[in-house]
N, C-alpha and C. Protein backbone atom coordinates (compact mmCIF):
# COMPACT_ATOMS: atom_id res chain seq x y z
N MET A 1 117.23 90.03 88.88
CA MET A 1 116.28 89.65 89.64
C MET A 1 115.39 90.69 89.96
N LYS A 2 115.68 91.98 89.54
CA LYS A 2 114.98 92.97 89.67
C LYS A 2 113.73 93.15 89.00
N LEU A 3 113.81 92.79 87.47
CA LEU A 3 112.81 92.55 86.71
C LEU A 3 111.83 91.52 87.14
N VAL A 4 112.38 90.42 87.63
CA VAL A 4 111.53 89.36 88.18
C VAL A 4 110.76 89.85 89.45
N LEU A 5 111.50 90.45 90.14
CA LEU A 5 110.70 90.87 91.37
C LEU A 5 109.44 92.01 91.08
N VAL A 6 109.76 92.88 90.11
CA VAL A 6 108.84 93.85 89.48
C VAL A 6 107.50 93.05 89.13
N PHE A 7 107.84 92.07 88.30
CA PHE A 7 106.63 91.31 87.76
C PHE A 7 105.91 90.49 88.90
N LEU A 8 106.71 90.07 89.82
CA LEU A 8 106.12 89.24 91.12
C LEU A 8 104.95 90.34 91.69
N LEU A 9 105.49 91.39 92.12
CA LEU A 9 104.94 92.64 92.81
C LEU A 9 103.78 93.06 92.06
N ALA A 10 103.84 93.02 90.88
CA ALA A 10 102.71 93.53 89.88
C ALA A 10 101.49 92.23 89.87
N ALA A 11 101.89 91.15 89.79
CA ALA A 11 101.29 89.89 89.84
C ALA A 11 100.34 89.75 91.14
N ILE A 12 100.78 89.72 92.18
CA ILE A 12 100.34 89.37 93.36
C ILE A 12 99.03 90.11 93.69
N PRO A 13 99.07 91.37 93.67
CA PRO A 13 97.59 92.06 93.84
C PRO A 13 96.46 91.47 93.16
N ILE A 14 96.87 91.00 91.66
CA ILE A 14 95.92 90.52 90.87
C ILE A 14 95.56 89.09 91.47
N CYS A 15 96.75 88.35 91.65
CA CYS A 15 96.71 86.79 92.03
C CYS A 15 95.88 86.87 93.51
N CYS A 16 95.87 87.89 94.40
CA CYS A 16 95.40 87.66 95.63
C CYS A 16 93.92 87.44 95.51
N TYR A 17 93.14 87.82 94.42
CA TYR A 17 91.89 87.43 94.35
C TYR A 17 91.47 86.06 94.01
N ALA A 18 92.40 85.29 93.55
CA ALA A 18 92.41 83.95 93.11
C ALA A 18 92.99 83.07 94.35
N SER A 19 93.94 83.72 95.13
CA SER A 19 94.53 83.03 96.20
C SER A 19 93.82 83.32 97.39
N SER A 20 94.58 82.90 98.75
CA SER A 20 93.92 82.80 99.83
C SER A 20 92.65 82.20 99.96
N GLY A 21 92.67 80.92 99.24
CA GLY A 21 91.61 80.14 99.28
C GLY A 21 91.78 79.30 97.82
N CYS A 22 92.59 79.69 97.20
CA CYS A 22 93.08 78.76 95.84
C CYS A 22 94.24 78.08 96.30
N HIS A 23 94.02 76.88 96.67
CA HIS A 23 94.97 76.17 97.07
C HIS A 23 96.23 75.94 96.13
N ALA A 24 95.79 75.65 94.70
CA ALA A 24 97.06 75.70 93.84
C ALA A 24 97.91 76.96 93.62
N MET A 25 97.15 78.08 93.77
CA MET A 25 98.05 79.37 93.89
C MET A 25 98.89 79.60 94.99
N ASP A 26 98.34 78.98 95.98
CA ASP A 26 99.29 79.23 97.19
C ASP A 26 100.25 78.25 97.40
N ASP A 27 100.10 77.01 96.67
CA ASP A 27 101.14 75.91 96.62
C ASP A 27 102.40 76.49 95.55
N VAL A 28 102.03 77.21 94.36
CA VAL A 28 102.93 77.48 93.53
C VAL A 28 103.83 78.70 94.08
N ILE A 29 103.10 79.36 94.98
CA ILE A 29 103.81 80.68 95.47
C ILE A 29 104.76 80.08 96.70
N ALA A 30 104.25 79.13 97.29
CA ALA A 30 105.18 78.58 98.43
C ALA A 30 106.39 77.80 97.88
N LYS A 31 106.16 76.92 96.61
CA LYS A 31 107.22 76.27 96.14
C LYS A 31 108.24 77.28 95.28
N THR A 32 107.60 78.48 94.93
CA THR A 32 108.48 79.48 94.42
C THR A 32 109.43 79.95 95.30
N ILE A 33 109.01 80.16 96.56
CA ILE A 33 109.93 80.84 97.49
C ILE A 33 110.74 79.87 98.39
N ASN A 34 110.34 78.52 98.18
CA ASN A 34 111.04 77.37 98.84
C ASN A 34 112.30 76.98 98.38
N SER A 35 113.53 77.42 98.91
CA SER A 35 114.70 76.98 98.48
C SER A 35 115.24 75.61 98.24
N SER A 36 114.35 74.62 98.99
CA SER A 36 114.64 73.47 98.88
C SER A 36 114.16 72.55 97.65
N VAL A 37 113.21 73.42 96.86
CA VAL A 37 112.49 72.92 95.65
C VAL A 37 113.40 73.11 94.45
N SER A 38 113.89 72.08 93.84
CA SER A 38 114.54 72.07 92.64
C SER A 38 113.85 72.70 91.52
N VAL A 39 114.62 73.02 90.34
CA VAL A 39 114.11 73.61 89.32
C VAL A 39 113.20 72.53 88.63
N ALA A 40 113.55 71.33 88.49
CA ALA A 40 113.07 70.19 87.83
C ALA A 40 111.72 69.90 88.63
N GLU A 41 111.80 70.01 89.97
CA GLU A 41 110.51 69.78 90.75
C GLU A 41 109.50 70.98 90.68
N TYR A 42 110.07 72.11 90.51
CA TYR A 42 109.17 73.29 90.46
C TYR A 42 108.54 73.23 88.94
N GLN A 43 109.09 72.92 88.00
CA GLN A 43 108.73 72.84 86.71
C GLN A 43 107.60 71.67 86.54
N GLY A 44 107.59 70.64 87.34
CA GLY A 44 106.64 69.72 87.49
C GLY A 44 105.39 70.20 88.17
N VAL A 45 105.64 70.97 89.01
CA VAL A 45 104.46 71.67 89.67
C VAL A 45 103.68 72.58 88.86
N VAL A 46 104.28 73.15 88.00
CA VAL A 46 103.45 74.26 87.20
C VAL A 46 103.57 73.97 85.86
N LYS A 47 103.66 72.61 85.40
CA LYS A 47 103.62 72.09 84.26
C LYS A 47 102.15 72.27 83.60
N LEU A 48 101.32 72.00 84.38
CA LEU A 48 99.87 72.36 84.00
C LEU A 48 99.46 73.73 83.50
N TYR A 49 100.17 74.63 84.06
CA TYR A 49 99.85 76.17 83.78
C TYR A 49 100.81 76.68 82.89
N ALA A 50 102.03 75.95 82.65
CA ALA A 50 102.93 76.43 81.62
C ALA A 50 103.63 75.26 80.74
N PRO A 51 102.57 74.69 79.74
CA PRO A 51 102.72 73.42 78.99
C PRO A 51 103.78 73.70 77.77
N LEU A 52 103.97 74.84 77.31
CA LEU A 52 104.96 75.03 76.34
C LEU A 52 106.41 75.05 76.70
N PHE A 53 107.38 74.75 75.53
CA PHE A 53 108.69 74.71 75.95
C PHE A 53 109.06 76.13 76.54
N TYR A 54 108.83 77.11 75.71
CA TYR A 54 109.02 78.38 76.02
C TYR A 54 108.50 78.83 77.48
N ASP A 55 107.49 78.27 77.94
CA ASP A 55 106.84 78.63 79.08
C ASP A 55 107.99 77.94 80.08
N GLN A 56 108.32 76.52 79.94
CA GLN A 56 108.73 75.85 80.89
C GLN A 56 110.25 76.48 80.84
N LYS A 57 110.97 76.97 79.90
CA LYS A 57 112.30 77.68 80.01
C LYS A 57 112.05 78.90 80.90
N ALA A 58 111.04 79.62 80.73
CA ALA A 58 110.89 80.87 81.57
C ALA A 58 110.65 80.51 83.07
N VAL A 59 109.86 79.54 83.32
CA VAL A 59 109.66 79.02 84.54
C VAL A 59 110.95 78.78 85.44
N ALA A 60 111.89 77.92 84.52
CA ALA A 60 112.92 77.55 84.97
C ALA A 60 114.03 78.69 85.54
N LYS A 61 113.79 79.69 84.71
CA LYS A 61 114.60 81.07 84.83
C LYS A 61 114.17 81.74 86.29
N LEU A 62 112.90 81.63 86.29
CA LEU A 62 112.19 82.41 87.37
C LEU A 62 112.76 81.63 88.74
N LYS A 63 112.48 80.38 88.64
CA LYS A 63 112.84 79.56 89.88
C LYS A 63 114.32 79.75 90.16
N GLN A 64 115.22 79.73 89.20
CA GLN A 64 116.42 79.93 89.53
C GLN A 64 116.81 81.13 90.11
N CYS A 65 116.32 82.17 89.63
CA CYS A 65 116.33 83.62 90.28
C CYS A 65 115.95 83.45 91.81
N PHE A 66 115.03 82.85 92.24
CA PHE A 66 114.71 82.53 93.55
C PHE A 66 115.87 81.84 94.32
N LEU A 67 116.29 80.67 93.66
CA LEU A 67 117.24 79.89 94.25
C LEU A 67 118.74 80.60 94.42
N ASP A 68 118.79 81.61 93.56
CA ASP A 68 120.04 82.39 93.75
C ASP A 68 120.06 83.34 94.81
N GLN A 69 118.89 83.55 95.58
CA GLN A 69 118.75 84.53 96.65
C GLN A 69 119.07 83.95 97.95
N SER A 70 119.46 84.76 98.80
CA SER A 70 119.78 84.30 100.12
C SER A 70 118.28 83.95 101.01
N GLU A 71 118.51 83.24 101.99
CA GLU A 71 117.38 82.76 102.88
C GLU A 71 116.81 84.01 103.50
N ASP A 72 117.43 84.90 103.77
CA ASP A 72 116.93 86.24 104.12
C ASP A 72 115.93 86.91 103.12
N THR A 73 116.44 87.12 101.91
CA THR A 73 115.69 87.44 100.96
C THR A 73 114.52 86.62 100.77
N LEU A 74 114.36 85.38 100.80
CA LEU A 74 113.39 84.68 100.51
C LEU A 74 112.24 84.78 101.88
N ASN A 75 112.90 84.85 102.78
CA ASN A 75 111.89 85.15 104.11
C ASN A 75 111.31 86.52 103.87
N ASN A 76 111.99 87.47 103.39
CA ASN A 76 111.34 88.81 103.03
C ASN A 76 110.36 88.74 102.21
N VAL A 77 110.44 87.94 101.10
CA VAL A 77 109.56 87.77 100.06
C VAL A 77 108.10 86.93 100.58
N LYS A 78 108.53 86.08 101.47
CA LYS A 78 107.18 85.39 102.20
C LYS A 78 106.47 86.49 103.08
N VAL A 79 107.31 87.32 103.64
CA VAL A 79 106.53 88.32 104.58
C VAL A 79 105.82 89.31 103.69
N MET A 80 106.39 89.70 102.46
CA MET A 80 105.68 90.63 101.60
C MET A 80 104.34 89.92 101.13
N VAL A 81 104.32 88.64 100.72
CA VAL A 81 103.26 87.93 100.10
C VAL A 81 102.21 87.61 101.29
N ASP A 82 102.61 87.45 102.41
CA ASP A 82 101.55 87.63 103.63
C ASP A 82 101.05 88.78 103.66
N ALA A 83 101.85 89.96 103.71
CA ALA A 83 101.35 91.32 104.05
C ALA A 83 100.23 91.65 102.82
N VAL A 84 100.49 91.17 101.69
CA VAL A 84 99.43 91.44 100.47
C VAL A 84 98.30 90.79 100.78
N TYR A 85 98.34 89.35 101.13
CA TYR A 85 97.12 88.55 101.41
C TYR A 85 96.32 88.90 102.57
N ASN A 86 97.01 89.51 103.52
CA ASN A 86 96.42 90.13 104.70
C ASN A 86 95.94 91.70 104.61
N SER A 87 96.30 92.24 103.55
CA SER A 87 95.75 93.54 103.36
C SER A 87 94.33 93.71 103.49
N LYS A 88 93.87 94.93 103.48
CA LYS A 88 92.41 95.28 103.40
C LYS A 88 91.95 95.38 102.12
N ASP A 89 92.82 95.37 101.14
CA ASP A 89 92.42 95.44 99.71
C ASP A 89 92.43 94.02 99.03
N CYS A 90 92.77 93.00 99.73
CA CYS A 90 92.76 91.74 99.30
C CYS A 90 91.82 90.86 99.92
N PRO A 91 90.43 90.64 99.21
CA PRO A 91 89.57 89.85 99.72
C PRO A 91 89.69 88.45 100.27
N GLN A 92 89.42 88.11 101.38
CA GLN A 92 89.54 86.78 101.78
C GLN A 92 88.36 86.06 101.71
N SER A 93 88.64 84.74 101.20
CA SER A 93 87.35 83.76 101.12
C SER A 93 87.15 83.14 102.46
N ALA A 94 85.91 82.79 102.62
CA ALA A 94 85.43 82.54 103.89
C ALA A 94 85.49 80.76 104.08
């Protein structure tokens, strides 16, 4: 999980330029954090972005990492994502 979290933290500042106005990115992040979304449902959401078998396998492992976390940890990830999107370095679209 630590490696996944490092990749997530590295990707969020880059993605914030596409998100906060990009509903597809916001939806993927929300479904990643949501513990009620199963691996199969999540793969359906990101299928357009990860069409290859190896991509789908990696997506399944990523989602399973989040499913293995406690609700407190998932809530903290949401707080972190919100903090990044609301930071002065992340431009907001009008």
